[in-house]
N, C-alpha and C. Protein backbone atom coordinates (compact mmCIF):
# COMPACT_ATOMS: atom_id res chain seq x y z
N UNK A 1 10.30 58.91 5.64
CA UNK A 1 10.68 57.53 5.89
C UNK A 1 9.56 56.77 6.57
N UNK A 2 8.81 57.44 7.46
CA UNK A 2 7.74 56.76 8.16
C UNK A 2 6.60 56.35 7.23
N UNK A 3 6.38 57.13 6.19
CA UNK A 3 5.34 56.78 5.24
C UNK A 3 5.72 55.52 4.48
N UNK A 4 6.98 55.37 4.13
CA UNK A 4 7.45 54.18 3.42
C UNK A 4 7.33 52.95 4.32
N UNK A 5 7.65 53.11 5.60
CA UNK A 5 7.51 51.98 6.53
C UNK A 5 6.05 51.59 6.70
N UNK A 6 5.18 52.58 6.84
CA UNK A 6 3.76 52.31 7.00
C UNK A 6 3.22 51.60 5.77
N UNK A 7 3.61 52.05 4.61
CA UNK A 7 3.18 51.43 3.37
C UNK A 7 3.71 49.99 3.27
N UNK A 8 4.96 49.78 3.67
CA UNK A 8 5.53 48.43 3.63
C UNK A 8 4.81 47.51 4.60
N UNK A 9 4.50 48.01 5.81
CA UNK A 9 3.82 47.18 6.81
C UNK A 9 2.37 46.89 6.41
N UNK A 10 1.77 47.70 5.58
CA UNK A 10 0.41 47.45 5.11
C UNK A 10 0.37 46.58 3.86
N UNK A 11 1.34 46.75 2.99
CA UNK A 11 1.33 46.03 1.71
C UNK A 11 1.92 44.62 1.84
N UNK A 12 2.99 44.49 2.62
CA UNK A 12 3.64 43.18 2.75
C UNK A 12 2.71 42.08 3.27
N UNK A 13 1.90 42.30 4.28
CA UNK A 13 0.98 41.23 4.71
C UNK A 13 -0.04 40.85 3.64
N UNK A 14 -0.51 41.84 2.90
CA UNK A 14 -1.47 41.55 1.83
C UNK A 14 -0.81 40.72 0.73
N UNK A 15 0.39 41.08 0.35
CA UNK A 15 1.12 40.31 -0.66
C UNK A 15 1.40 38.90 -0.15
N UNK A 16 1.76 38.78 1.13
CA UNK A 16 2.03 37.47 1.70
C UNK A 16 0.77 36.62 1.72
N UNK A 17 -0.36 37.21 2.08
CA UNK A 17 -1.62 36.46 2.09
C UNK A 17 -2.02 36.00 0.69
N UNK A 18 -1.83 36.85 -0.30
CA UNK A 18 -2.14 36.47 -1.68
C UNK A 18 -1.23 35.33 -2.13
N UNK A 19 0.05 35.43 -1.80
CA UNK A 19 1.00 34.37 -2.19
C UNK A 19 0.66 33.05 -1.49
N UNK A 20 0.36 33.11 -0.20
CA UNK A 20 0.00 31.90 0.53
C UNK A 20 -1.31 31.31 0.04
N UNK A 21 -2.27 32.19 -0.28
CA UNK A 21 -3.54 31.70 -0.83
C UNK A 21 -3.35 31.02 -2.16
N UNK A 22 -2.53 31.59 -3.00
CA UNK A 22 -2.25 30.99 -4.31
C UNK A 22 -1.57 29.63 -4.14
N UNK A 23 -0.61 29.56 -3.24
CA UNK A 23 0.07 28.30 -2.96
C UNK A 23 -0.89 27.26 -2.40
N UNK A 24 -1.77 27.69 -1.50
CA UNK A 24 -2.73 26.76 -0.90
C UNK A 24 -3.69 26.22 -1.96
N UNK A 25 -4.17 27.08 -2.83
CA UNK A 25 -5.08 26.63 -3.90
C UNK A 25 -4.36 25.67 -4.83
N UNK A 26 -3.14 25.96 -5.18
CA UNK A 26 -2.36 25.07 -6.05
C UNK A 26 -2.17 23.70 -5.40
N UNK A 27 -1.84 23.68 -4.11
CA UNK A 27 -1.66 22.41 -3.40
C UNK A 27 -2.96 21.63 -3.30
N UNK A 28 -4.07 22.32 -3.02
CA UNK A 28 -5.36 21.62 -2.94
C UNK A 28 -5.74 21.03 -4.29
N UNK A 29 -5.51 21.76 -5.35
CA UNK A 29 -5.80 21.22 -6.69
C UNK A 29 -4.96 19.97 -6.96
N UNK A 30 -3.69 20.03 -6.60
CA UNK A 30 -2.81 18.88 -6.81
C UNK A 30 -3.27 17.69 -5.98
N UNK A 31 -3.64 17.93 -4.73
CA UNK A 31 -4.09 16.82 -3.87
C UNK A 31 -5.40 16.23 -4.36
N UNK A 32 -6.36 17.09 -4.73
CA UNK A 32 -7.63 16.57 -5.23
C UNK A 32 -7.44 15.83 -6.55
N UNK A 33 -6.55 16.31 -7.39
CA UNK A 33 -6.26 15.60 -8.64
C UNK A 33 -5.67 14.23 -8.36
N UNK A 34 -4.74 14.17 -7.42
CA UNK A 34 -4.14 12.89 -7.05
C UNK A 34 -5.17 11.95 -6.47
N UNK A 35 -6.03 12.46 -5.60
CA UNK A 35 -7.08 11.62 -5.00
C UNK A 35 -8.03 11.13 -6.09
N UNK A 36 -8.38 12.00 -7.04
CA UNK A 36 -9.26 11.60 -8.13
C UNK A 36 -8.65 10.46 -8.94
N UNK A 37 -7.37 10.59 -9.28
CA UNK A 37 -6.72 9.54 -10.06
C UNK A 37 -6.58 8.25 -9.26
N UNK A 38 -6.34 8.34 -7.97
CA UNK A 38 -6.28 7.14 -7.14
C UNK A 38 -7.63 6.44 -7.08
N UNK A 39 -8.70 7.21 -6.92
CA UNK A 39 -10.03 6.61 -6.88
C UNK A 39 -10.38 6.00 -8.23
N UNK A 40 -10.08 6.70 -9.31
CA UNK A 40 -10.36 6.16 -10.64
C UNK A 40 -9.57 4.88 -10.89
N UNK A 41 -8.30 4.85 -10.50
CA UNK A 41 -7.50 3.64 -10.65
C UNK A 41 -8.04 2.49 -9.81
N UNK A 42 -8.46 2.79 -8.58
CA UNK A 42 -9.03 1.74 -7.73
C UNK A 42 -10.32 1.19 -8.32
N UNK A 43 -11.13 2.06 -8.91
CA UNK A 43 -12.37 1.59 -9.54
C UNK A 43 -12.07 0.70 -10.75
N UNK A 44 -11.09 1.07 -11.54
CA UNK A 44 -10.73 0.26 -12.71
C UNK A 44 -10.20 -1.10 -12.28
N UNK A 45 -9.30 -1.12 -11.30
CA UNK A 45 -8.75 -2.38 -10.82
C UNK A 45 -9.84 -3.23 -10.18
N UNK A 46 -10.69 -2.61 -9.37
CA UNK A 46 -11.78 -3.34 -8.73
C UNK A 46 -12.76 -3.90 -9.75
N UNK A 47 -13.08 -3.12 -10.77
CA UNK A 47 -13.96 -3.61 -11.83
C UNK A 47 -13.35 -4.76 -12.60
N UNK A 48 -12.05 -4.67 -12.86
CA UNK A 48 -11.37 -5.77 -13.54
C UNK A 48 -11.38 -7.04 -12.72
N UNK A 49 -11.12 -6.91 -11.42
CA UNK A 49 -11.17 -8.09 -10.55
C UNK A 49 -12.57 -8.68 -10.49
N UNK A 50 -13.57 -7.82 -10.41
CA UNK A 50 -14.95 -8.28 -10.38
C UNK A 50 -15.29 -9.07 -11.64
N UNK A 51 -14.94 -8.50 -12.81
CA UNK A 51 -15.23 -9.20 -14.07
C UNK A 51 -14.45 -10.51 -14.17
N UNK A 52 -13.18 -10.49 -13.74
CA UNK A 52 -12.37 -11.70 -13.79
C UNK A 52 -12.99 -12.80 -12.94
N UNK A 53 -13.44 -12.46 -11.74
CA UNK A 53 -14.05 -13.46 -10.86
C UNK A 53 -15.36 -13.98 -11.42
N UNK A 54 -16.14 -13.08 -12.01
CA UNK A 54 -17.42 -13.52 -12.60
C UNK A 54 -17.18 -14.49 -13.76
N UNK A 55 -16.23 -14.17 -14.61
CA UNK A 55 -15.94 -15.04 -15.75
C UNK A 55 -15.38 -16.37 -15.26
N UNK A 56 -14.47 -16.31 -14.30
CA UNK A 56 -13.86 -17.53 -13.77
C UNK A 56 -14.92 -18.42 -13.13
N UNK A 57 -15.84 -17.82 -12.39
CA UNK A 57 -16.88 -18.60 -11.73
C UNK A 57 -17.87 -19.17 -12.74
N UNK A 58 -18.09 -18.46 -13.86
CA UNK A 58 -19.07 -18.92 -14.83
C UNK A 58 -18.59 -20.13 -15.63
N UNK A 59 -17.26 -20.34 -15.71
CA UNK A 59 -16.77 -21.48 -16.49
C UNK A 59 -16.01 -22.48 -15.62
N UNK A 60 -16.20 -22.45 -14.30
CA UNK A 60 -15.52 -23.43 -13.46
C UNK A 60 -16.20 -24.78 -13.64
N UNK A 61 -15.50 -25.85 -13.32
CA UNK A 61 -16.06 -27.19 -13.52
C UNK A 61 -17.39 -27.36 -12.78
N UNK A 62 -18.35 -27.95 -13.47
CA UNK A 62 -19.66 -28.19 -12.88
C UNK A 62 -20.67 -27.10 -13.16
N UNK A 63 -20.26 -25.98 -13.70
CA UNK A 63 -21.21 -24.91 -13.98
C UNK A 63 -21.92 -25.20 -15.30
N UNK A 64 -23.01 -24.56 -15.51
CA UNK A 64 -23.82 -24.77 -16.71
C UNK A 64 -23.02 -24.41 -17.96
N UNK A 65 -22.31 -23.31 -17.93
CA UNK A 65 -21.52 -22.90 -19.10
C UNK A 65 -20.42 -23.91 -19.39
N UNK A 66 -19.74 -24.40 -18.34
CA UNK A 66 -18.67 -25.38 -18.56
C UNK A 66 -19.25 -26.64 -19.19
N UNK A 67 -20.42 -27.12 -18.70
CA UNK A 67 -21.03 -28.32 -19.29
C UNK A 67 -21.41 -28.08 -20.74
N UNK A 68 -21.90 -26.89 -21.05
CA UNK A 68 -22.25 -26.59 -22.45
C UNK A 68 -21.01 -26.57 -23.33
N UNK A 69 -19.90 -25.98 -22.82
CA UNK A 69 -18.66 -25.95 -23.59
C UNK A 69 -18.14 -27.36 -23.83
N UNK A 70 -18.16 -28.18 -22.78
CA UNK A 70 -17.68 -29.56 -22.93
C UNK A 70 -18.57 -30.36 -23.88
N UNK A 71 -19.89 -30.19 -23.81
CA UNK A 71 -20.80 -30.90 -24.71
C UNK A 71 -20.56 -30.47 -26.15
N UNK A 72 -20.36 -29.19 -26.38
CA UNK A 72 -20.11 -28.71 -27.74
C UNK A 72 -18.78 -29.25 -28.25
N UNK A 73 -17.76 -29.28 -27.39
CA UNK A 73 -16.46 -29.82 -27.81
C UNK A 73 -16.57 -31.29 -28.14
N UNK A 74 -17.30 -32.03 -27.32
CA UNK A 74 -17.45 -33.47 -27.58
C UNK A 74 -18.22 -33.71 -28.87
N UNK A 75 -19.26 -32.93 -29.10
CA UNK A 75 -20.03 -33.06 -30.34
C UNK A 75 -19.15 -32.74 -31.54
N UNK A 76 -18.34 -31.73 -31.45
CA UNK A 76 -17.46 -31.35 -32.54
C UNK A 76 -16.44 -32.44 -32.81
N UNK A 77 -15.89 -33.03 -31.74
CA UNK A 77 -14.90 -34.11 -31.91
C UNK A 77 -15.54 -35.34 -32.53
N UNK A 78 -16.75 -35.67 -32.11
CA UNK A 78 -17.43 -36.85 -32.67
C UNK A 78 -17.80 -36.63 -34.12
N UNK A 79 -18.14 -35.44 -34.50
CA UNK A 79 -18.54 -35.16 -35.86
C UNK A 79 -17.35 -35.21 -36.80
N UNK A 80 -16.17 -34.88 -36.33
CA UNK A 80 -14.98 -34.81 -37.19
C UNK A 80 -14.14 -36.09 -37.13
N UNK A 81 -14.70 -37.20 -36.80
CA UNK A 81 -13.94 -38.45 -36.77
C UNK A 81 -13.67 -38.98 -38.14
């Protein structure tokens, strides 16, 4: 009986450590995956906002692009009278 107890006291901690290590690795993978997706989503949203602001600023009233668009529209309207 003592041999079985000794074997149990030696094997159980090793099995517990392996199980806890496996669980820890699984949790770390899940957390890093979540962090990766959050960072990727933040970059996509940030890039979209950056592009939106650049486009909005490039065609706001008084900008060179806005004046070119208005001049082209006026020329088109005058030509089609």
